Amino acid sequence: MLTGFMGTGKSIVGRILARRLGYDFVDTDALIVQQNDRSIADIFAQDGEDTFRQLEATVAYELGNKKNMVIATGGRLMLDETNATELSRNGRIFCLTASPETIYNRVKHDRKRPLLNVPDPQAKIEQLLQERAVGYGRFPQIDTENKTARMVAEEILKWLSTM
């Protein structure tokens, strides 16, 4: 299971890990989009963030009993204790990290990030990272700074081999 802030590489690293382990891959945000037939930005705009967080909880519950799966979670999903408990039943959780500047550079052209539709997205990234630091800190940290997705996946595979 991969958690962490947006732009840290959860989806691409997750796909690589799933392939290497022979597991299925699920991106919780993509699953929510598929199940609701609309984008996350549309869900936020039409129904609000609370509705989106409820959809995340439903997905966490649905995936909680699945095995042999690599799951990339939305950036805030695992900060909810219930979601974390549901999803940690059958696997290890790793938190991917990067500096606020790197995250900003990775996501600045992505218009599908409703939390960053503000006048100063980099300041918003820094604020959200500070707010989430304790929650993310509960999980083993994997720094993605100046690393390819393959390098990050290899680092996680090494961790898994020692657990």
Foldseek 3Di string as FASTA:
>chain_A
DEEEAPQLCLQVLQVVLLVVLVAAEEELQVVLCVVVVHHPLCCCVPPNPVVVLVSLLVVLQVCLPDERYRYYYYHCSQLDPSSVVSNPPHHAYEYGDEDLVSSCVRCVVPPRPVQQPDPDSSVSSVVVCVVCVVSNVVHHYQYSPPHDSVVSSVVVVVVVVVD
